[in-house]
Amino acid sequence: MTPSRAEDLINKLIANKLSGDELTELLAGISNENEKQKYSDALEIYFNQLLRENRDEHE
């Protein structure tokens, strides 16, 4: 499945590979009521991945 633009921007932010224009886009997206849920979903995917990785390391 292709990541959404919100997921792409969140992943770039986490990897410290976000351009200035992309940062502006991300900030606009999280401030926009119509887009906010997409960014929330993208962050939830990332945090769930971290939880799975942490759980797998401790099993």
N, C-alpha and C. Protein backbone atom coordinates (compact mmCIF):
# COMPACT_ATOMS: atom_id res chain seq x y z
N MET A 1 0.84 -1.18 0.00
CA MET A 1 0.00 0.00 0.00
C MET A 1 0.89 1.24 0.00
N THR A 2 0.55 2.20 -0.82
CA THR A 2 1.31 3.44 -0.91
C THR A 2 0.99 4.33 0.29
N PRO A 3 2.03 4.85 0.94
CA PRO A 3 1.77 5.74 2.08
C PRO A 3 1.06 7.02 1.64
N SER A 4 0.22 7.53 2.51
CA SER A 4 -0.44 8.81 2.23
C SER A 4 0.60 9.92 2.29
N ARG A 5 0.24 11.07 1.79
CA ARG A 5 1.16 12.21 1.86
C ARG A 5 1.47 12.53 3.32
N ALA A 6 0.49 12.43 4.19
CA ALA A 6 0.71 12.69 5.61
C ALA A 6 1.74 11.70 6.17
N GLU A 7 1.61 10.41 5.82
CA GLU A 7 2.58 9.41 6.28
C GLU A 7 3.97 9.71 5.74
N ASP A 8 4.03 10.09 4.48
CA ASP A 8 5.31 10.41 3.85
C ASP A 8 5.98 11.57 4.59
N LEU A 9 5.22 12.61 4.89
CA LEU A 9 5.79 13.77 5.58
C LEU A 9 6.22 13.42 7.01
N ILE A 10 5.41 12.64 7.71
CA ILE A 10 5.75 12.22 9.07
C ILE A 10 7.02 11.38 9.05
N ASN A 11 7.12 10.45 8.10
CA ASN A 11 8.32 9.62 8.00
C ASN A 11 9.56 10.45 7.70
N LYS A 12 9.43 11.44 6.83
CA LYS A 12 10.56 12.32 6.54
C LYS A 12 10.94 13.14 7.76
N LEU A 13 9.94 13.58 8.51
CA LEU A 13 10.20 14.35 9.73
C LEU A 13 10.99 13.50 10.73
N ILE A 14 10.56 12.26 10.92
CA ILE A 14 11.21 11.36 11.85
C ILE A 14 12.65 11.06 11.42
N ALA A 15 12.84 10.94 10.11
CA ALA A 15 14.17 10.64 9.56
C ALA A 15 15.03 11.90 9.41
N ASN A 16 14.50 13.04 9.80
CA ASN A 16 15.20 14.32 9.69
C ASN A 16 15.58 14.62 8.23
N LYS A 17 14.65 14.33 7.32
CA LYS A 17 14.88 14.56 5.89
C LYS A 17 13.78 15.43 5.29
N LEU A 18 13.17 16.24 6.10
CA LEU A 18 12.07 17.09 5.68
C LEU A 18 12.62 18.41 5.17
N SER A 19 12.22 18.81 3.97
CA SER A 19 12.65 20.11 3.44
C SER A 19 11.83 21.22 4.10
N GLY A 20 12.25 22.43 3.89
CA GLY A 20 11.52 23.56 4.44
C GLY A 20 10.10 23.63 3.91
N ASP A 21 9.94 23.40 2.60
CA ASP A 21 8.60 23.41 2.00
C ASP A 21 7.73 22.29 2.57
N GLU A 22 8.35 21.13 2.77
CA GLU A 22 7.60 20.01 3.34
C GLU A 22 7.20 20.28 4.79
N LEU A 23 8.06 20.94 5.54
CA LEU A 23 7.72 21.30 6.91
C LEU A 23 6.53 22.26 6.92
N THR A 24 6.55 23.21 6.02
CA THR A 24 5.42 24.15 5.89
C THR A 24 4.14 23.39 5.57
N GLU A 25 4.24 22.42 4.65
CA GLU A 25 3.08 21.60 4.28
C GLU A 25 2.58 20.79 5.46
N LEU A 26 3.50 20.18 6.21
CA LEU A 26 3.12 19.39 7.39
C LEU A 26 2.42 20.27 8.43
N LEU A 27 2.99 21.42 8.71
CA LEU A 27 2.38 22.31 9.71
C LEU A 27 1.02 22.79 9.26
N ALA A 28 0.86 23.07 7.97
CA ALA A 28 -0.45 23.47 7.45
C ALA A 28 -1.44 22.32 7.59
N GLY A 29 -0.96 21.10 7.32
CA GLY A 29 -1.84 19.94 7.41
C GLY A 29 -2.34 19.66 8.81
N ILE A 30 -1.45 19.77 9.78
CA ILE A 30 -1.89 19.48 11.16
C ILE A 30 -2.74 20.60 11.74
N SER A 31 -2.72 21.76 11.09
CA SER A 31 -3.55 22.89 11.53
C SER A 31 -4.90 22.91 10.83
N ASN A 32 -5.03 22.13 9.76
CA ASN A 32 -6.24 22.11 8.96
C ASN A 32 -7.19 21.04 9.50
N GLU A 33 -8.40 21.45 9.87
CA GLU A 33 -9.37 20.51 10.45
C GLU A 33 -9.67 19.36 9.50
N ASN A 34 -9.68 19.60 8.20
CA ASN A 34 -9.99 18.55 7.23
C ASN A 34 -8.84 17.57 7.05
N GLU A 35 -7.62 17.97 7.37
CA GLU A 35 -6.44 17.14 7.19
C GLU A 35 -5.90 16.54 8.49
N LYS A 36 -6.31 17.09 9.60
CA LYS A 36 -5.76 16.72 10.91
C LYS A 36 -5.82 15.22 11.18
N GLN A 37 -6.92 14.57 10.81
CA GLN A 37 -7.07 13.14 11.07
C GLN A 37 -6.04 12.32 10.31
N LYS A 38 -5.69 12.74 9.09
CA LYS A 38 -4.69 12.01 8.30
C LYS A 38 -3.34 12.01 9.02
N TYR A 39 -2.98 13.14 9.60
CA TYR A 39 -1.71 13.23 10.33
C TYR A 39 -1.77 12.45 11.63
N SER A 40 -2.91 12.48 12.28
CA SER A 40 -3.09 11.69 13.50
C SER A 40 -2.97 10.21 13.19
N ASP A 41 -3.57 9.78 12.10
CA ASP A 41 -3.48 8.37 11.69
C ASP A 41 -2.04 7.99 11.37
N ALA A 42 -1.32 8.87 10.66
CA ALA A 42 0.07 8.60 10.31
C ALA A 42 0.93 8.45 11.56
N LEU A 43 0.71 9.30 12.55
CA LEU A 43 1.47 9.20 13.80
C LEU A 43 1.10 7.94 14.57
N GLU A 44 -0.17 7.57 14.53
CA GLU A 44 -0.59 6.34 15.20
C GLU A 44 0.08 5.13 14.57
N ILE A 45 0.18 5.10 13.25
CA ILE A 45 0.88 4.01 12.56
C ILE A 45 2.32 3.93 13.04
N TYR A 46 2.99 5.07 13.10
CA TYR A 46 4.38 5.11 13.54
C TYR A 46 4.54 4.62 14.98
N PHE A 47 3.72 5.13 15.88
CA PHE A 47 3.83 4.73 17.28
C PHE A 47 3.49 3.25 17.48
N ASN A 48 2.51 2.75 16.74
CA ASN A 48 2.19 1.32 16.83
C ASN A 48 3.35 0.47 16.35
N GLN A 49 4.03 0.94 15.32
CA GLN A 49 5.22 0.23 14.83
C GLN A 49 6.30 0.21 15.91
N LEU A 50 6.52 1.33 16.57
CA LEU A 50 7.50 1.37 17.65
C LEU A 50 7.13 0.41 18.78
N LEU A 51 5.86 0.37 19.13
CA LEU A 51 5.42 -0.53 20.19
C LEU A 51 5.64 -1.99 19.80
N ARG A 52 5.33 -2.35 18.54
CA ARG A 52 5.56 -3.72 18.07
C ARG A 52 7.04 -4.07 18.11
N GLU A 53 7.88 -3.16 17.65
CA GLU A 53 9.32 -3.40 17.66
C GLU A 53 9.84 -3.57 19.07
N ASN A 54 9.36 -2.75 19.99
CA ASN A 54 9.79 -2.84 21.38
C ASN A 54 9.31 -4.16 22.00
N ARG A 55 8.10 -4.54 21.71
CA ARG A 55 7.55 -5.79 22.24
C ARG A 55 8.34 -6.98 21.69
N ASP A 56 8.64 -6.95 20.38
CA ASP A 56 9.39 -8.05 19.75
C ASP A 56 10.80 -8.18 20.33
N GLU A 57 11.40 -7.06 20.68
CA GLU A 57 12.74 -7.09 21.27
C GLU A 57 12.74 -7.72 22.66
N HIS A 58 11.63 -7.62 23.35
CA HIS A 58 11.57 -8.09 24.73
C HIS A 58 10.89 -9.45 24.88
N GLU A 59 10.62 -10.09 23.77
CA GLU A 59 10.01 -11.43 23.85
C GLU A 59 11.05 -12.50 23.76
